[in-house]
C-alpha atoms as a PDB file:
ATOM      1  CA  MET A   1     217.153 -19.948  58.890  1.00  0.00           C
ATOM      2  CA  TRP A   2     217.964 -23.277  59.375  1.00  0.00           C
ATOM      3  CA  LEU A   3     214.907 -24.416  57.786  1.00  0.00           C
ATOM      4  CA  ARG A   4     214.724 -22.319  54.967  1.00  0.00           C
ATOM      5  CA  TYR A   5     217.254 -23.969  53.560  1.00  0.00           C
ATOM      6  CA  GLU A   6     216.512 -27.485  54.543  1.00  0.00           C
ATOM      7  CA  SER A   7     215.691 -28.477  50.737  1.00  0.00           C
ATOM      8  CA  ALA A   8     218.267 -26.126  48.979  1.00  0.00           C
ATOM      9  CA  ASN A   9     220.090 -27.712  46.055  1.00  0.00           C
ATOM     10  CA  GLU A  10     224.008 -28.951  46.310  1.00  0.00           C
ATOM     11  CA  GLY A  11     226.039 -25.636  46.276  1.00  0.00           C
ATOM     12  CA  THR A  12     223.647 -22.777  47.748  1.00  0.00           C
ATOM     13  CA  GLU A  13     225.363 -19.737  49.252  1.00  0.00           C
ATOM     14  CA  ILE A  14     225.023 -18.595  52.084  1.00  0.00           C
ATOM     15  CA  SER A  15     226.859 -15.427  53.772  1.00  0.00           C
ATOM     16  CA  VAL A  16     229.100 -16.133  56.865  1.00  0.00           C
ATOM     17  CA  ASP A  17     227.529 -13.374  59.153  1.00  0.00           C
ATOM     18  CA  GLU A  18     223.743 -14.395  58.189  1.00  0.00           C
ATOM     19  CA  VAL A  19     225.536 -18.301  59.410  1.00  0.00           C
ATOM     20  CA  LEU A  20     226.848 -16.595  62.420  1.00  0.00           C
ATOM     21  CA  ASN A  21     223.902 -14.846  63.612  1.00  0.00           C
ATOM     22  CA  ALA A  22     221.579 -18.055  63.521  1.00  0.00           C
ATOM     23  CA  LEU A  23     224.374 -20.042  65.188  1.00  0.00           C
ATOM     24  CA  VAL A  24     222.203 -21.226  68.289  1.00  0.00           C
ATOM     25  CA  PHE A  25     224.632 -21.293  71.378  1.00  0.00           C
ATOM     26  CA  ASN A  26     223.404 -22.755  75.026  1.00  0.00           C
ATOM     27  CA  LYS A  27     222.807 -20.135  77.947  1.00  0.00           C
ATOM     28  CA  ASP A  28     227.256 -19.249  78.456  1.00  0.00           C
ATOM     29  CA  GLY A  29     227.354 -18.383  74.938  1.00  0.00           C
ATOM     30  CA  LEU A  30     228.814 -21.335  73.585  1.00  0.00           C
ATOM     31  CA  LEU A  31     228.685 -24.083  71.086  1.00  0.00           C
ATOM     32  CA  PRO A  32     230.107 -27.764  70.505  1.00  0.00           C
ATOM     33  CA  ALA A  33     232.818 -28.077  68.342  1.00  0.00           C
ATOM     34  CA  ILE A  34     233.706 -31.894  67.710  1.00  0.00           C
ATOM     35  CA  ALA A  35     237.118 -31.940  66.140  1.00  0.00           C
ATOM     36  CA  GLN A  36     238.084 -34.447  63.518  1.00  0.00           C
ATOM     37  CA  ASP A  37     241.165 -35.344  61.410  1.00  0.00           C
ATOM     38  CA  TYR A  38     240.572 -34.841  58.349  1.00  0.00           C
ATOM     39  CA  GLN A  39     242.483 -36.992  56.641  1.00  0.00           C
ATOM     40  CA  SER A  40     241.881 -40.021  58.939  1.00  0.00           C
ATOM     41  CA  LYS A  41     238.585 -39.274  59.915  1.00  0.00           C
ATOM     42  CA  ASP A  42     239.344 -40.178  63.524  1.00  0.00           C
ATOM     43  CA  VAL A  43     236.819 -38.105  65.710  1.00  0.00           C
ATOM     44  CA  LEU A  44     240.070 -36.367  68.188  1.00  0.00           C
ATOM     45  CA  MET A  45     238.285 -34.443  70.654  1.00  0.00           C
ATOM     46  CA  MET A  46     235.729 -31.995  71.724  1.00  0.00           C
ATOM     47  CA  ALA A  47     235.198 -28.212  72.766  1.00  0.00           C
ATOM     48  CA  TRP A  48     233.777 -25.152  72.990  1.00  0.00           C
ATOM     49  CA  MET A  49     233.667 -22.231  71.267  1.00  0.00           C
ATOM     50  CA  ASN A  50     231.898 -18.687  71.264  1.00  0.00           C
ATOM     51  CA  ARG A  51     231.227 -16.517  68.197  1.00  0.00           C
ATOM     52  CA  LEU A  52     234.871 -14.388  68.805  1.00  0.00           C
ATOM     53  CA  ALA A  53     236.362 -18.152  68.909  1.00  0.00           C
ATOM     54  CA  ILE A  54     234.829 -18.855  66.005  1.00  0.00           C
ATOM     55  CA  GLU A  55     235.527 -15.484  64.350  1.00  0.00           C
ATOM     56  CA  GLU A  56     239.237 -15.659  64.807  1.00  0.00           C
ATOM     57  CA  THR A  57     239.177 -19.751  64.305  1.00  0.00           C
ATOM     58  CA  LEU A  58     238.227 -18.735  60.249  1.00  0.00           C
ATOM     59  CA  MET A  59     240.354 -15.559  60.426  1.00  0.00           C
ATOM     60  CA  THR A  60     243.552 -17.690  61.124  1.00  0.00           C
ATOM     61  CA  LYS A  61     242.623 -21.241  60.036  1.00  0.00           C
ATOM     62  CA  GLN A  62     244.221 -21.902  63.653  1.00  0.00           C
ATOM     63  CA  VAL A  63     241.746 -23.341  65.795  1.00  0.00           C
ATOM     64  CA  CYS A  64     240.982 -21.559  68.653  1.00  0.00           C
ATOM     65  CA  TYR A  65     238.018 -22.905  71.188  1.00  0.00           C
ATOM     66  CA  TRP A  66     237.057 -21.206  74.958  1.00  0.00           C
ATOM     67  CA  SER A  67     238.311 -22.964  77.656  1.00  0.00           C
ATOM     68  CA  ARG A  68     235.414 -23.000  80.515  1.00  0.00           C
ATOM     69  CA  SER A  69     237.722 -24.012  83.328  1.00  0.00           C
ATOM     70  CA  ARG A  70     240.036 -21.216  82.594  1.00  0.00           C
ATOM     71  CA  GLN A  71     237.497 -18.337  81.194  1.00  0.00           C
ATOM     72  CA  GLN A  72     239.418 -17.000  77.875  1.00  0.00           C
ATOM     73  CA  PHE A  73     240.390 -18.284  74.450  1.00  0.00           C
ATOM     74  CA  TRP A  74     242.362 -21.578  74.488  1.00  0.00           C
ATOM     75  CA  ARG A  75     244.134 -21.641  70.735  1.00  0.00           C
ATOM     76  CA  LYS A  76     244.833 -25.016  70.640  1.00  0.00           C
ATOM     77  CA  GLY A  77     248.744 -26.318  70.670  1.00  0.00           C
ATOM     78  CA  GLU A  78     249.274 -22.229  71.872  1.00  0.00           C
ATOM     79  CA  GLN A  79     251.747 -24.710  75.245  1.00  0.00           C
ATOM     80  CA  SER A  80     251.981 -27.699  73.862  1.00  0.00           C
ATOM     81  CA  GLY A  81     252.866 -27.049  70.146  1.00  0.00           C
ATOM     82  CA  ASN A  82     250.122 -29.749  69.121  1.00  0.00           C
ATOM     83  CA  ARG A  83     248.565 -27.452  67.004  1.00  0.00           C
ATOM     84  CA  GLN A  84     245.356 -27.933  64.934  1.00  0.00           C
ATOM     85  CA  GLN A  85     245.105 -26.050  61.596  1.00  0.00           C
ATOM     86  CA  LEU A  86     241.680 -25.429  60.129  1.00  0.00           C
ATOM     87  CA  VAL A  87     240.845 -26.977  57.044  1.00  0.00           C
ATOM     88  CA  GLU A  88     237.101 -27.277  56.951  1.00  0.00           C
ATOM     89  CA  MET A  89     234.447 -26.061  59.597  1.00  0.00           C
ATOM     90  CA  ARG A  90     231.072 -27.381  59.102  1.00  0.00           C
ATOM     91  CA  VAL A  91     227.788 -26.479  60.821  1.00  0.00           C
ATOM     92  CA  ASP A  92     224.995 -28.972  61.984  1.00  0.00           C
ATOM     93  CA  CYS A  93     221.365 -28.757  60.661  1.00  0.00           C
ATOM     94  CA  ASP A  94     219.910 -26.803  63.626  1.00  0.00           C
ATOM     95  CA  GLY A  95     223.137 -24.545  64.300  1.00  0.00           C
ATOM     96  CA  ASP A  96     223.913 -26.417  67.307  1.00  0.00           C
ATOM     97  CA  THR A  97     227.578 -28.265  67.203  1.00  0.00           C
ATOM     98  CA  LEU A  98     230.154 -27.203  64.799  1.00  0.00           C
ATOM     99  CA  LEU A  99     232.396 -29.724  63.361  1.00  0.00           C
ATOM    100  CA  LEU A 100     236.464 -29.209  62.691  1.00  0.00           C
ATOM    101  CA  LEU A 101     237.651 -30.618  59.834  1.00  0.00           C
ATOM    102  CA  VAL A 102     241.962 -30.521  61.008  1.00  0.00           C
ATOM    103  CA  SER A 103     245.412 -31.361  60.648  1.00  0.00           C
ATOM    104  CA  GLN A 104     246.424 -32.273  64.106  1.00  0.00           C
ATOM    105  CA  GLN A 105     250.241 -31.497  65.127  1.00  0.00           C
ATOM    106  CA  GLY A 106     251.140 -33.769  67.389  1.00  0.00           C
ATOM    107  CA  GLY A 107     248.422 -35.557  70.047  1.00  0.00           C
ATOM    108  CA  ALA A 108     244.849 -33.501  70.453  1.00  0.00           C
ATOM    109  CA  CYS A 109     244.292 -34.588  73.849  1.00  0.00           C
ATOM    110  CA  HIS A 110     246.170 -32.968  76.824  1.00  0.00           C
ATOM    111  CA  THR A 111     247.783 -36.797  77.206  1.00  0.00           C
ATOM    112  CA  GLN A 112     249.433 -36.631  74.699  1.00  0.00           C
ATOM    113  CA  ARG A 113     247.594 -39.406  72.812  1.00  0.00           C
ATOM    114  CA  LYS A 114     246.233 -38.303  69.395  1.00  0.00           C
ATOM    115  CA  THR A 115     242.392 -38.369  70.704  1.00  0.00           C
ATOM    116  CA  CYS A 116     240.708 -37.594  73.879  1.00  0.00           C
ATOM    117  CA  PHE A 117     238.758 -40.407  73.147  1.00  0.00           C
ATOM    118  CA  TYR A 118     240.893 -43.767  74.408  1.00  0.00           C
ATOM    119  CA  TYR A 119     238.651 -45.341  76.481  1.00  0.00           C
ATOM    120  CA  THR A 120     236.263 -47.581  75.415  1.00  0.00           C
ATOM    121  CA  PHE A 121     233.552 -50.074  76.469  1.00  0.00           C
ATOM    122  CA  ALA A 122     234.046 -53.660  76.206  1.00  0.00           C
ATOM    123  CA  ASP A 123     231.576 -56.231  77.489  1.00  0.00           C
ATOM    124  CA  GLN A 124     232.041 -55.189  81.275  1.00  0.00           C
ATOM    125  CA  LYS A 125     234.880 -53.074  81.326  1.00  0.00           C
ATOM    126  CA  VAL A 126     236.448 -50.232  80.276  1.00  0.00           C
ATOM    127  CA  LEU A 127     240.017 -50.290  77.964  1.00  0.00           C
ATOM    128  CA  ILE A 128     242.326 -47.887  77.304  1.00  0.00           C
ATOM    129  CA  ASN A 129     242.913 -48.334  73.482  1.00  0.00           C
ATOM    130  CA  ALA A 130     246.229 -45.971  72.969  1.00  0.00           C
ATOM    131  CA  SER A 131     249.097 -45.772  74.675  1.00  0.00           C
ATOM    132  CA  VAL A 132     250.911 -42.168  75.660  1.00  0.00           C
ATOM    133  CA  PRO A 133     253.623 -41.771  73.668  1.00  0.00           C
END
């Protein structure tokens, strides 16, 4: 499916079912999903989604991931209150990675930091670039 649309014009419409059926899940039935703040464009986190998590997220607009460690759905913010409201979902050109543009309430990281990407490589050291609130 992906090759068929590579030269499609902007605004071309494709059914949700066609796209969901063409997604390239890994052997565990999962896709990486990158959460990005829709306003600041900061990359907040990366997690995994299966088809049911994707469908729930599209239906409810509240982001739902699949927890590999707990082997269950992980509705972002269910325990912490730091929810992610879906603004837009995108899929990459070969159907194996999702980009979620979200409105983040509170920190995205389990450490309560805004983003999970708070380690910065600098010369011969790594710096923590965000404080715990």
